[in-house]
Amino acid sequence: FSQLEAGKMVVKKSTFKVNNLISETANSIAAQYTAKDIDLILHLDESLEHPIVSDAFRLRQIITNLLGNAYKFTDKGSITLTGNIIEKQKTKQLFLKISDTGIGISKEKQKLIFKEFTQAENDTDKKYGGYGLGLTITKKLTELLGGTIRLESILGKGSAFYLELPLVYGSPSENSTPPA
């Protein structure tokens, strides 16, 4: 967090298949929450099979934070991760939506959710743990990669986070395994 705040974090680009990174990350997080009655649903478009050039480590951190929160604040139901690559004008965007059937966040608390050391409710840290830095770090990592993140949520019904990151295609011959 302090490195992000000081502007000292550097993007390290590599070529990787984002569908593999998403699947591995999602399955790793799901394995930590097997005691919960939650279905993990992945809808990964075939456009994600094309190698991309980005910071695999930072993207994995973003996905880990968003999925980790979804599991943390969902007791039962489902978590769905939908992903595809959208072409806008002459640019390509990685689009990810992570939605859950969890506790949701009230309208007035939604504007605070990306600020450091804040959680939706004062007793959230006691009940669910954490310091309220996960979404702040996620937002700053997203911005570091040139992207945007937004939230839609209904209290008691669940939340959905929408992530858009600019990307460049890599060539299949450059393809490497993303760092863990």
N, C-alpha and C. Protein backbone atom coordinates (compact mmCIF):
# COMPACT_ATOMS: atom_id res chain seq x y z
N PHE A 1 0.83 -1.20 0.00
CA PHE A 1 0.00 0.00 0.00
C PHE A 1 0.87 1.25 0.00
N SER A 2 1.91 1.26 0.84
CA SER A 2 2.76 2.45 0.91
C SER A 2 3.53 2.65 -0.39
N GLN A 3 3.93 1.55 -1.06
CA GLN A 3 4.60 1.68 -2.36
C GLN A 3 3.65 2.28 -3.39
N LEU A 4 2.40 1.84 -3.38
CA LEU A 4 1.40 2.39 -4.30
C LEU A 4 1.19 3.87 -4.03
N GLU A 5 1.04 4.23 -2.75
CA GLU A 5 0.82 5.62 -2.36
C GLU A 5 1.98 6.52 -2.80
N ALA A 6 3.19 6.00 -2.69
CA ALA A 6 4.37 6.80 -3.02
C ALA A 6 4.67 6.80 -4.52
N GLY A 7 3.88 6.06 -5.30
CA GLY A 7 4.10 6.01 -6.74
C GLY A 7 5.35 5.23 -7.11
N LYS A 8 5.78 4.32 -6.24
CA LYS A 8 7.02 3.58 -6.47
C LYS A 8 6.81 2.20 -7.07
N MET A 9 5.56 1.81 -7.28
CA MET A 9 5.31 0.48 -7.82
C MET A 9 5.44 0.54 -9.35
N VAL A 10 6.16 -0.42 -9.90
CA VAL A 10 6.44 -0.46 -11.33
C VAL A 10 5.67 -1.61 -11.97
N VAL A 11 5.11 -1.35 -13.14
CA VAL A 11 4.42 -2.38 -13.89
C VAL A 11 5.46 -3.27 -14.57
N LYS A 12 5.33 -4.59 -14.37
CA LYS A 12 6.25 -5.55 -14.99
C LYS A 12 5.45 -6.38 -15.98
N LYS A 13 5.66 -6.10 -17.26
CA LYS A 13 4.86 -6.76 -18.29
C LYS A 13 5.46 -8.09 -18.71
N SER A 14 4.54 -9.02 -18.96
CA SER A 14 4.91 -10.32 -19.52
C SER A 14 3.76 -10.75 -20.42
N THR A 15 4.00 -11.80 -21.19
CA THR A 15 2.96 -12.32 -22.08
C THR A 15 2.38 -13.58 -21.44
N PHE A 16 1.06 -13.63 -21.35
CA PHE A 16 0.40 -14.78 -20.72
C PHE A 16 -1.04 -14.89 -21.23
N LYS A 17 -1.63 -16.04 -20.99
CA LYS A 17 -3.03 -16.25 -21.34
C LYS A 17 -3.87 -15.92 -20.11
N VAL A 18 -4.70 -14.91 -20.24
CA VAL A 18 -5.46 -14.41 -19.10
C VAL A 18 -6.50 -15.42 -18.62
N ASN A 19 -7.03 -16.26 -19.53
CA ASN A 19 -8.01 -17.27 -19.08
C ASN A 19 -7.36 -18.25 -18.11
N ASN A 20 -6.10 -18.63 -18.35
CA ASN A 20 -5.39 -19.52 -17.44
C ASN A 20 -5.16 -18.85 -16.09
N LEU A 21 -4.73 -17.59 -16.12
CA LEU A 21 -4.48 -16.84 -14.89
C LEU A 21 -5.76 -16.73 -14.06
N ILE A 22 -6.88 -16.41 -14.71
CA ILE A 22 -8.16 -16.27 -14.00
C ILE A 22 -8.58 -17.61 -13.39
N SER A 23 -8.54 -18.67 -14.18
CA SER A 23 -8.96 -19.99 -13.69
C SER A 23 -8.12 -20.45 -12.51
N GLU A 24 -6.79 -20.33 -12.63
CA GLU A 24 -5.90 -20.75 -11.55
C GLU A 24 -6.14 -19.94 -10.28
N THR A 25 -6.28 -18.63 -10.44
CA THR A 25 -6.50 -17.75 -9.29
C THR A 25 -7.84 -18.05 -8.63
N ALA A 26 -8.89 -18.17 -9.44
CA ALA A 26 -10.24 -18.44 -8.91
C ALA A 26 -10.28 -19.76 -8.17
N ASN A 27 -9.68 -20.80 -8.74
CA ASN A 27 -9.69 -22.11 -8.10
C ASN A 27 -8.87 -22.12 -6.81
N SER A 28 -7.79 -21.36 -6.78
CA SER A 28 -6.96 -21.25 -5.58
C SER A 28 -7.74 -20.57 -4.45
N ILE A 29 -8.47 -19.51 -4.76
CA ILE A 29 -9.27 -18.80 -3.75
C ILE A 29 -10.42 -19.71 -3.29
N ALA A 30 -11.11 -20.35 -4.23
CA ALA A 30 -12.24 -21.21 -3.89
C ALA A 30 -11.81 -22.34 -2.95
N ALA A 31 -10.60 -22.85 -3.13
CA ALA A 31 -10.10 -23.94 -2.30
C ALA A 31 -9.98 -23.54 -0.83
N GLN A 32 -9.85 -22.24 -0.58
CA GLN A 32 -9.74 -21.75 0.81
C GLN A 32 -11.10 -21.66 1.50
N TYR A 33 -12.18 -21.74 0.73
CA TYR A 33 -13.52 -21.52 1.27
C TYR A 33 -14.44 -22.72 1.05
N THR A 34 -13.89 -23.93 1.05
CA THR A 34 -14.71 -25.11 0.77
C THR A 34 -15.77 -25.36 1.85
N ALA A 35 -15.58 -24.80 3.04
CA ALA A 35 -16.56 -24.99 4.11
C ALA A 35 -17.84 -24.19 3.87
N LYS A 36 -17.78 -23.19 3.00
CA LYS A 36 -18.96 -22.36 2.69
C LYS A 36 -19.75 -22.99 1.55
N ASP A 37 -21.06 -22.84 1.61
CA ASP A 37 -21.95 -23.37 0.57
C ASP A 37 -22.08 -22.35 -0.57
N ILE A 38 -21.00 -22.21 -1.34
CA ILE A 38 -20.95 -21.20 -2.40
C ILE A 38 -20.50 -21.87 -3.70
N ASP A 39 -21.25 -21.63 -4.76
CA ASP A 39 -20.86 -22.11 -6.08
C ASP A 39 -20.00 -21.04 -6.75
N LEU A 40 -18.85 -21.43 -7.27
CA LEU A 40 -18.02 -20.53 -8.06
C LEU A 40 -18.33 -20.82 -9.52
N ILE A 41 -18.77 -19.79 -10.24
CA ILE A 41 -19.14 -19.93 -11.65
C ILE A 41 -18.21 -19.05 -12.48
N LEU A 42 -17.52 -19.66 -13.43
CA LEU A 42 -16.64 -18.91 -14.32
C LEU A 42 -17.24 -18.90 -15.72
N HIS A 43 -17.44 -17.71 -16.26
CA HIS A 43 -17.88 -17.53 -17.65
C HIS A 43 -16.75 -16.81 -18.37
N LEU A 44 -15.85 -17.58 -18.95
CA LEU A 44 -14.68 -17.01 -19.60
C LEU A 44 -14.83 -17.15 -21.11
N ASP A 45 -14.95 -16.02 -21.77
CA ASP A 45 -15.11 -15.99 -23.22
C ASP A 45 -13.85 -16.52 -23.90
N GLU A 46 -14.04 -17.10 -25.09
CA GLU A 46 -12.87 -17.64 -25.81
C GLU A 46 -11.88 -16.56 -26.22
N SER A 47 -12.32 -15.28 -26.22
CA SER A 47 -11.38 -14.19 -26.53
C SER A 47 -10.24 -14.12 -25.51
N LEU A 48 -10.45 -14.68 -24.31
CA LEU A 48 -9.43 -14.66 -23.27
C LEU A 48 -8.32 -15.70 -23.51
N GLU A 49 -8.49 -16.54 -24.53
CA GLU A 49 -7.47 -17.54 -24.84
C GLU A 49 -6.29 -16.94 -25.58
N HIS A 50 -6.47 -15.75 -26.14
CA HIS A 50 -5.38 -15.09 -26.86
C HIS A 50 -4.37 -14.54 -25.86
N PRO A 51 -3.07 -14.80 -26.06
CA PRO A 51 -2.07 -14.25 -25.13
C PRO A 51 -2.13 -12.72 -25.10
N ILE A 52 -1.97 -12.16 -23.90
CA ILE A 52 -1.94 -10.70 -23.75
C ILE A 52 -0.62 -10.29 -23.11
N VAL A 53 -0.31 -9.01 -23.22
CA VAL A 53 0.87 -8.45 -22.57
C VAL A 53 0.37 -7.51 -21.48
N SER A 54 0.66 -7.86 -20.24
CA SER A 54 0.24 -7.04 -19.10
C SER A 54 1.08 -7.46 -17.89
N ASP A 55 0.72 -6.95 -16.73
CA ASP A 55 1.40 -7.33 -15.50
C ASP A 55 0.59 -8.45 -14.84
N ALA A 56 1.02 -9.69 -15.06
CA ALA A 56 0.28 -10.86 -14.57
C ALA A 56 0.20 -10.86 -13.04
N PHE A 57 1.27 -10.47 -12.38
CA PHE A 57 1.30 -10.47 -10.92
C PHE A 57 0.25 -9.50 -10.36
N ARG A 58 0.20 -8.29 -10.90
CA ARG A 58 -0.75 -7.27 -10.42
C ARG A 58 -2.19 -7.69 -10.75
N LEU A 59 -2.40 -8.24 -11.95
CA LEU A 59 -3.74 -8.69 -12.32
C LEU A 59 -4.20 -9.81 -11.38
N ARG A 60 -3.30 -10.71 -11.05
CA ARG A 60 -3.62 -11.78 -10.11
C ARG A 60 -3.99 -11.20 -8.74
N GLN A 61 -3.26 -10.16 -8.30
CA GLN A 61 -3.57 -9.50 -7.03
C GLN A 61 -4.98 -8.91 -7.04
N ILE A 62 -5.34 -8.26 -8.13
CA ILE A 62 -6.66 -7.63 -8.26
C ILE A 62 -7.75 -8.70 -8.17
N ILE A 63 -7.60 -9.75 -8.96
CA ILE A 63 -8.60 -10.83 -8.97
C ILE A 63 -8.68 -11.50 -7.60
N THR A 64 -7.53 -11.73 -6.98
CA THR A 64 -7.49 -12.35 -5.65
C THR A 64 -8.24 -11.49 -4.64
N ASN A 65 -7.99 -10.19 -4.65
CA ASN A 65 -8.68 -9.29 -3.71
C ASN A 65 -10.19 -9.29 -3.93
N LEU A 66 -10.62 -9.20 -5.19
CA LEU A 66 -12.06 -9.14 -5.48
C LEU A 66 -12.75 -10.46 -5.15
N LEU A 67 -12.15 -11.57 -5.53
CA LEU A 67 -12.75 -12.87 -5.21
C LEU A 67 -12.70 -13.15 -3.71
N GLY A 68 -11.60 -12.79 -3.08
CA GLY A 68 -11.47 -12.98 -1.63
C GLY A 68 -12.57 -12.23 -0.89
N ASN A 69 -12.83 -11.00 -1.29
CA ASN A 69 -13.91 -10.22 -0.67
C ASN A 69 -15.26 -10.86 -0.94
N ALA A 70 -15.47 -11.32 -2.17
CA ALA A 70 -16.75 -11.94 -2.51
C ALA A 70 -17.00 -13.15 -1.59
N TYR A 71 -15.98 -13.97 -1.39
CA TYR A 71 -16.12 -15.12 -0.49
C TYR A 71 -16.32 -14.67 0.96
N LYS A 72 -15.56 -13.67 1.36
CA LYS A 72 -15.62 -13.21 2.74
C LYS A 72 -17.02 -12.73 3.12
N PHE A 73 -17.67 -12.02 2.19
CA PHE A 73 -18.96 -11.40 2.49
C PHE A 73 -20.16 -12.15 1.93
N THR A 74 -19.94 -13.40 1.53
CA THR A 74 -21.03 -14.26 1.04
C THR A 74 -21.05 -15.53 1.89
N ASP A 75 -22.21 -15.83 2.45
CA ASP A 75 -22.32 -17.04 3.28
C ASP A 75 -22.82 -18.23 2.48
N LYS A 76 -23.71 -17.96 1.52
CA LYS A 76 -24.22 -19.04 0.67
C LYS A 76 -24.69 -18.42 -0.64
N GLY A 77 -24.84 -19.28 -1.64
CA GLY A 77 -25.25 -18.79 -2.95
C GLY A 77 -24.16 -18.99 -3.97
N SER A 78 -23.81 -17.90 -4.66
CA SER A 78 -22.82 -18.05 -5.73
C SER A 78 -21.96 -16.81 -5.90
N ILE A 79 -20.81 -17.06 -6.51
CA ILE A 79 -19.90 -16.01 -6.95
C ILE A 79 -19.65 -16.30 -8.42
N THR A 80 -19.86 -15.30 -9.24
CA THR A 80 -19.70 -15.47 -10.69
C THR A 80 -18.64 -14.52 -11.20
N LEU A 81 -17.69 -15.06 -11.94
CA LEU A 81 -16.68 -14.25 -12.60
C LEU A 81 -16.90 -14.39 -14.10
N THR A 82 -17.19 -13.27 -14.73
CA THR A 82 -17.40 -13.23 -16.17
C THR A 82 -16.27 -12.42 -16.79
N GLY A 83 -15.68 -12.92 -17.86
CA GLY A 83 -14.58 -12.19 -18.48
C GLY A 83 -14.58 -12.30 -19.98
N ASN A 84 -14.18 -11.21 -20.63
CA ASN A 84 -13.99 -11.21 -22.08
C ASN A 84 -13.12 -10.02 -22.47
N ILE A 85 -12.73 -10.00 -23.72
CA ILE A 85 -11.98 -8.88 -24.27
C ILE A 85 -12.90 -8.13 -25.22
N ILE A 86 -13.00 -6.84 -24.98
CA ILE A 86 -13.87 -5.97 -25.77
C ILE A 86 -12.97 -5.08 -26.63
N GLU A 87 -13.32 -4.95 -27.90
CA GLU A 87 -12.59 -4.03 -28.76
C GLU A 87 -13.39 -2.75 -28.88
N LYS A 88 -12.78 -1.62 -28.47
CA LYS A 88 -13.40 -0.30 -28.54
C LYS A 88 -12.53 0.56 -29.44
N GLN A 89 -13.13 1.18 -30.44
CA GLN A 89 -12.36 1.93 -31.44
C GLN A 89 -11.14 1.12 -31.83
N LYS A 90 -9.95 1.61 -31.52
CA LYS A 90 -8.76 0.86 -31.91
C LYS A 90 -8.05 0.25 -30.70
N THR A 91 -8.73 0.23 -29.56
CA THR A 91 -8.12 -0.32 -28.37
C THR A 91 -8.83 -1.61 -27.94
N LYS A 92 -8.13 -2.38 -27.14
CA LYS A 92 -8.71 -3.60 -26.58
C LYS A 92 -8.77 -3.43 -25.07
N GLN A 93 -9.86 -3.92 -24.48
CA GLN A 93 -10.06 -3.83 -23.04
C GLN A 93 -10.36 -5.22 -22.49
N LEU A 94 -9.70 -5.56 -21.39
CA LEU A 94 -10.07 -6.75 -20.64
C LEU A 94 -11.22 -6.33 -19.74
N PHE A 95 -12.34 -7.04 -19.84
CA PHE A 95 -13.51 -6.74 -19.03
C PHE A 95 -13.78 -7.92 -18.10
N LEU A 96 -13.81 -7.64 -16.79
CA LEU A 96 -14.13 -8.67 -15.80
C LEU A 96 -15.26 -8.17 -14.92
N LYS A 97 -16.19 -9.05 -14.64
CA LYS A 97 -17.26 -8.75 -13.70
C LYS A 97 -17.24 -9.85 -12.64
N ILE A 98 -17.15 -9.45 -11.39
CA ILE A 98 -17.18 -10.40 -10.29
C ILE A 98 -18.40 -10.05 -9.44
N SER A 99 -19.38 -10.96 -9.44
CA SER A 99 -20.61 -10.69 -8.70
C SER A 99 -20.85 -11.78 -7.67
N ASP A 100 -21.55 -11.41 -6.61
CA ASP A 100 -21.82 -12.36 -5.54
C ASP A 100 -23.24 -12.19 -5.02
N THR A 101 -23.66 -13.14 -4.22
CA THR A 101 -24.98 -13.11 -3.58
C THR A 101 -24.81 -12.83 -2.09
N GLY A 102 -23.82 -12.00 -1.77
CA GLY A 102 -23.46 -11.72 -0.39
C GLY A 102 -24.30 -10.65 0.28
N ILE A 103 -23.69 -10.00 1.28
CA ILE A 103 -24.41 -9.06 2.14
C ILE A 103 -24.72 -7.73 1.45
N GLY A 104 -23.99 -7.41 0.38
CA GLY A 104 -24.22 -6.15 -0.32
C GLY A 104 -23.72 -4.95 0.47
N ILE A 105 -23.80 -3.80 -0.16
CA ILE A 105 -23.30 -2.55 0.42
C ILE A 105 -24.35 -1.47 0.16
N SER A 106 -24.72 -0.73 1.21
CA SER A 106 -25.73 0.31 1.05
C SER A 106 -25.22 1.42 0.13
N LYS A 107 -26.15 2.14 -0.50
CA LYS A 107 -25.80 3.22 -1.44
C LYS A 107 -24.85 4.23 -0.81
N GLU A 108 -25.17 4.69 0.41
CA GLU A 108 -24.35 5.73 1.04
C GLU A 108 -22.95 5.23 1.39
N LYS A 109 -22.78 3.94 1.61
CA LYS A 109 -21.46 3.39 1.93
C LYS A 109 -20.64 3.08 0.68
N GLN A 110 -21.29 2.96 -0.47
CA GLN A 110 -20.57 2.59 -1.69
C GLN A 110 -19.51 3.59 -2.09
N LYS A 111 -19.76 4.88 -1.84
CA LYS A 111 -18.76 5.88 -2.25
C LYS A 111 -17.52 5.86 -1.34
N LEU A 112 -17.62 5.22 -0.18
CA LEU A 112 -16.48 5.13 0.74
C LEU A 112 -15.65 3.87 0.54
N ILE A 113 -16.19 2.91 -0.16
CA ILE A 113 -15.63 1.56 -0.18
C ILE A 113 -14.20 1.47 -0.74
N PHE A 114 -13.80 2.41 -1.60
CA PHE A 114 -12.46 2.37 -2.18
C PHE A 114 -11.47 3.24 -1.40
N LYS A 115 -11.92 3.89 -0.32
CA LYS A 115 -11.03 4.73 0.49
C LYS A 115 -10.31 3.87 1.52
N GLU A 116 -9.04 4.21 1.78
CA GLU A 116 -8.26 3.38 2.68
C GLU A 116 -8.78 3.40 4.12
N PHE A 117 -8.61 2.27 4.76
CA PHE A 117 -8.98 2.06 6.17
C PHE A 117 -10.47 2.26 6.45
N THR A 118 -11.31 2.10 5.42
CA THR A 118 -12.75 2.19 5.67
C THR A 118 -13.39 0.88 5.27
N GLN A 119 -14.38 0.50 6.01
CA GLN A 119 -15.20 -0.65 5.66
C GLN A 119 -16.63 -0.17 5.69
N ALA A 120 -17.52 -0.91 5.08
CA ALA A 120 -18.89 -0.46 4.94
C ALA A 120 -19.54 -0.14 6.28
N GLU A 121 -19.28 -0.94 7.26
CA GLU A 121 -19.88 -0.75 8.59
C GLU A 121 -18.79 -0.82 9.65
N ASN A 122 -18.99 -0.14 10.76
CA ASN A 122 -17.99 -0.15 11.83
C ASN A 122 -17.72 -1.54 12.39
N ASP A 123 -18.73 -2.39 12.43
CA ASP A 123 -18.54 -3.72 12.99
C ASP A 123 -18.10 -4.75 11.95
N THR A 124 -17.90 -4.32 10.70
CA THR A 124 -17.49 -5.25 9.64
C THR A 124 -16.15 -5.88 9.96
N ASP A 125 -15.20 -5.07 10.47
CA ASP A 125 -13.89 -5.63 10.77
C ASP A 125 -13.95 -6.66 11.89
N LYS A 126 -14.85 -6.46 12.83
CA LYS A 126 -14.98 -7.43 13.91
C LYS A 126 -15.60 -8.74 13.41
N LYS A 127 -16.62 -8.62 12.56
CA LYS A 127 -17.32 -9.81 12.09
C LYS A 127 -16.55 -10.55 10.99
N TYR A 128 -15.98 -9.80 10.06
CA TYR A 128 -15.36 -10.43 8.88
C TYR A 128 -13.84 -10.34 8.85
N GLY A 129 -13.25 -9.50 9.68
CA GLY A 129 -11.80 -9.34 9.71
C GLY A 129 -11.30 -8.39 8.64
N GLY A 130 -10.04 -8.02 8.76
CA GLY A 130 -9.42 -7.16 7.76
C GLY A 130 -9.30 -5.72 8.24
N TYR A 131 -8.58 -4.95 7.42
CA TYR A 131 -8.29 -3.56 7.77
C TYR A 131 -8.96 -2.55 6.85
N GLY A 132 -9.68 -3.02 5.85
CA GLY A 132 -10.30 -2.09 4.92
C GLY A 132 -9.34 -1.57 3.87
N LEU A 133 -8.27 -2.31 3.58
CA LEU A 133 -7.30 -1.88 2.57
C LEU A 133 -7.44 -2.62 1.24
N GLY A 134 -8.10 -3.77 1.24
CA GLY A 134 -8.16 -4.60 0.04
C GLY A 134 -8.69 -3.90 -1.19
N LEU A 135 -9.82 -3.19 -1.05
CA LEU A 135 -10.40 -2.52 -2.21
C LEU A 135 -9.64 -1.26 -2.58
N THR A 136 -9.01 -0.61 -1.60
CA THR A 136 -8.17 0.54 -1.90
C THR A 136 -6.98 0.10 -2.75
N ILE A 137 -6.34 -0.98 -2.34
CA ILE A 137 -5.21 -1.52 -3.09
C ILE A 137 -5.66 -1.97 -4.48
N THR A 138 -6.81 -2.63 -4.54
CA THR A 138 -7.35 -3.09 -5.82
C THR A 138 -7.56 -1.91 -6.77
N LYS A 139 -8.15 -0.83 -6.27
CA LYS A 139 -8.40 0.36 -7.10
C LYS A 139 -7.08 0.97 -7.56
N LYS A 140 -6.11 1.08 -6.67
CA LYS A 140 -4.83 1.67 -7.04
C LYS A 140 -4.05 0.79 -8.02
N LEU A 141 -4.12 -0.54 -7.86
CA LEU A 141 -3.48 -1.45 -8.82
C LEU A 141 -4.15 -1.35 -10.19
N THR A 142 -5.49 -1.25 -10.18
CA THR A 142 -6.24 -1.10 -11.43
C THR A 142 -5.81 0.18 -12.15
N GLU A 143 -5.70 1.27 -11.40
CA GLU A 143 -5.27 2.54 -11.99
C GLU A 143 -3.82 2.48 -12.46
N LEU A 144 -2.97 1.76 -11.72
CA LEU A 144 -1.58 1.58 -12.13
C LEU A 144 -1.51 0.91 -13.50
N LEU A 145 -2.44 -0.02 -13.76
CA LEU A 145 -2.49 -0.71 -15.05
C LEU A 145 -3.30 0.06 -16.09
N GLY A 146 -3.73 1.28 -15.75
CA GLY A 146 -4.45 2.14 -16.70
C GLY A 146 -5.93 1.84 -16.81
N GLY A 147 -6.47 1.11 -15.85
CA GLY A 147 -7.87 0.69 -15.92
C GLY A 147 -8.80 1.40 -14.96
N THR A 148 -10.03 0.92 -14.95
CA THR A 148 -11.06 1.47 -14.07
C THR A 148 -11.78 0.32 -13.37
N ILE A 149 -12.33 0.65 -12.20
CA ILE A 149 -13.13 -0.32 -11.46
C ILE A 149 -14.34 0.42 -10.92
N ARG A 150 -15.48 -0.25 -10.96
CA ARG A 150 -16.69 0.34 -10.38
C ARG A 150 -17.50 -0.74 -9.69
N LEU A 151 -18.43 -0.30 -8.87
CA LEU A 151 -19.21 -1.18 -8.04
C LEU A 151 -20.69 -0.92 -8.22
N GLU A 152 -21.47 -1.99 -8.26
CA GLU A 152 -22.93 -1.92 -8.16
C GLU A 152 -23.30 -2.88 -7.04
N SER A 153 -24.14 -2.44 -6.12
CA SER A 153 -24.49 -3.30 -5.00
C SER A 153 -25.86 -2.96 -4.45
N ILE A 154 -26.54 -3.98 -3.96
CA ILE A 154 -27.82 -3.81 -3.29
C ILE A 154 -27.70 -4.48 -1.93
N LEU A 155 -27.95 -3.72 -0.89
CA LEU A 155 -27.84 -4.22 0.47
C LEU A 155 -28.71 -5.47 0.64
N GLY A 156 -28.09 -6.54 1.14
CA GLY A 156 -28.80 -7.79 1.36
C GLY A 156 -28.95 -8.67 0.14
N LYS A 157 -28.54 -8.19 -1.03
CA LYS A 157 -28.70 -8.95 -2.28
C LYS A 157 -27.36 -9.33 -2.93
N GLY A 158 -26.33 -8.53 -2.68
CA GLY A 158 -25.03 -8.85 -3.27
C GLY A 158 -24.39 -7.66 -3.95
N SER A 159 -23.20 -7.90 -4.47
CA SER A 159 -22.40 -6.85 -5.10
C SER A 159 -21.83 -7.35 -6.42
N ALA A 160 -21.52 -6.40 -7.29
CA ALA A 160 -20.84 -6.71 -8.55
C ALA A 160 -19.76 -5.65 -8.78
N PHE A 161 -18.55 -6.11 -9.01
CA PHE A 161 -17.44 -5.23 -9.34
C PHE A 161 -17.13 -5.39 -10.82
N TYR A 162 -16.96 -4.27 -11.51
CA TYR A 162 -16.68 -4.24 -12.94
C TYR A 162 -15.28 -3.67 -13.13
N LEU A 163 -14.44 -4.44 -13.78
CA LEU A 163 -13.06 -4.06 -13.99
C LEU A 163 -12.80 -3.96 -15.49
N GLU A 164 -12.19 -2.86 -15.91
CA GLU A 164 -11.77 -2.71 -17.31
C GLU A 164 -10.32 -2.30 -17.34
N LEU A 165 -9.52 -3.06 -18.09
CA LEU A 165 -8.09 -2.78 -18.22
C LEU A 165 -7.70 -2.76 -19.69
N PRO A 166 -6.95 -1.74 -20.11
CA PRO A 166 -6.47 -1.74 -21.49
C PRO A 166 -5.44 -2.86 -21.65
N LEU A 167 -5.39 -3.44 -22.83
CA LEU A 167 -4.41 -4.50 -23.04
C LEU A 167 -3.92 -4.51 -24.47
N VAL A 168 -2.84 -5.23 -24.63
CA VAL A 168 -2.22 -5.44 -25.93
C VAL A 168 -2.10 -6.94 -26.11
N TYR A 169 -2.39 -7.43 -27.31
CA TYR A 169 -2.20 -8.85 -27.58
C TYR A 169 -0.72 -9.15 -27.70
N GLY A 170 -0.35 -10.33 -27.21
CA GLY A 170 1.01 -10.83 -27.39
C GLY A 170 0.95 -11.91 -28.45
N SER A 171 2.11 -12.30 -28.95
CA SER A 171 2.10 -13.37 -29.94
C SER A 171 2.21 -14.71 -29.22
N PRO A 172 1.56 -15.74 -29.77
CA PRO A 172 1.59 -17.06 -29.12
C PRO A 172 3.01 -17.56 -28.84
N SER A 173 3.97 -17.19 -29.67
CA SER A 173 5.34 -17.67 -29.46
C SER A 173 5.98 -17.05 -28.22
N GLU A 174 5.48 -15.87 -27.80
CA GLU A 174 6.02 -15.22 -26.61
C GLU A 174 5.41 -15.76 -25.33
N ASN A 175 4.38 -16.57 -25.47
CA ASN A 175 3.58 -16.98 -24.32
C ASN A 175 4.44 -17.60 -23.23
N SER A 176 4.26 -17.08 -22.03
CA SER A 176 4.95 -17.64 -20.87
C SER A 176 3.92 -17.87 -19.78
N THR A 177 4.32 -18.61 -18.79
CA THR A 177 3.43 -18.86 -17.67
C THR A 177 3.49 -17.66 -16.73
N PRO A 178 2.34 -17.14 -16.31
CA PRO A 178 2.37 -15.99 -15.40
C PRO A 178 2.95 -16.36 -14.05
N PRO A 179 3.62 -15.39 -13.40
CA PRO A 179 4.17 -15.69 -12.09
C PRO A 179 3.06 -15.98 -11.08
N ALA A 180 3.33 -16.86 -10.13
CA ALA A 180 2.32 -17.23 -9.12
C ALA A 180 2.19 -16.17 -8.07
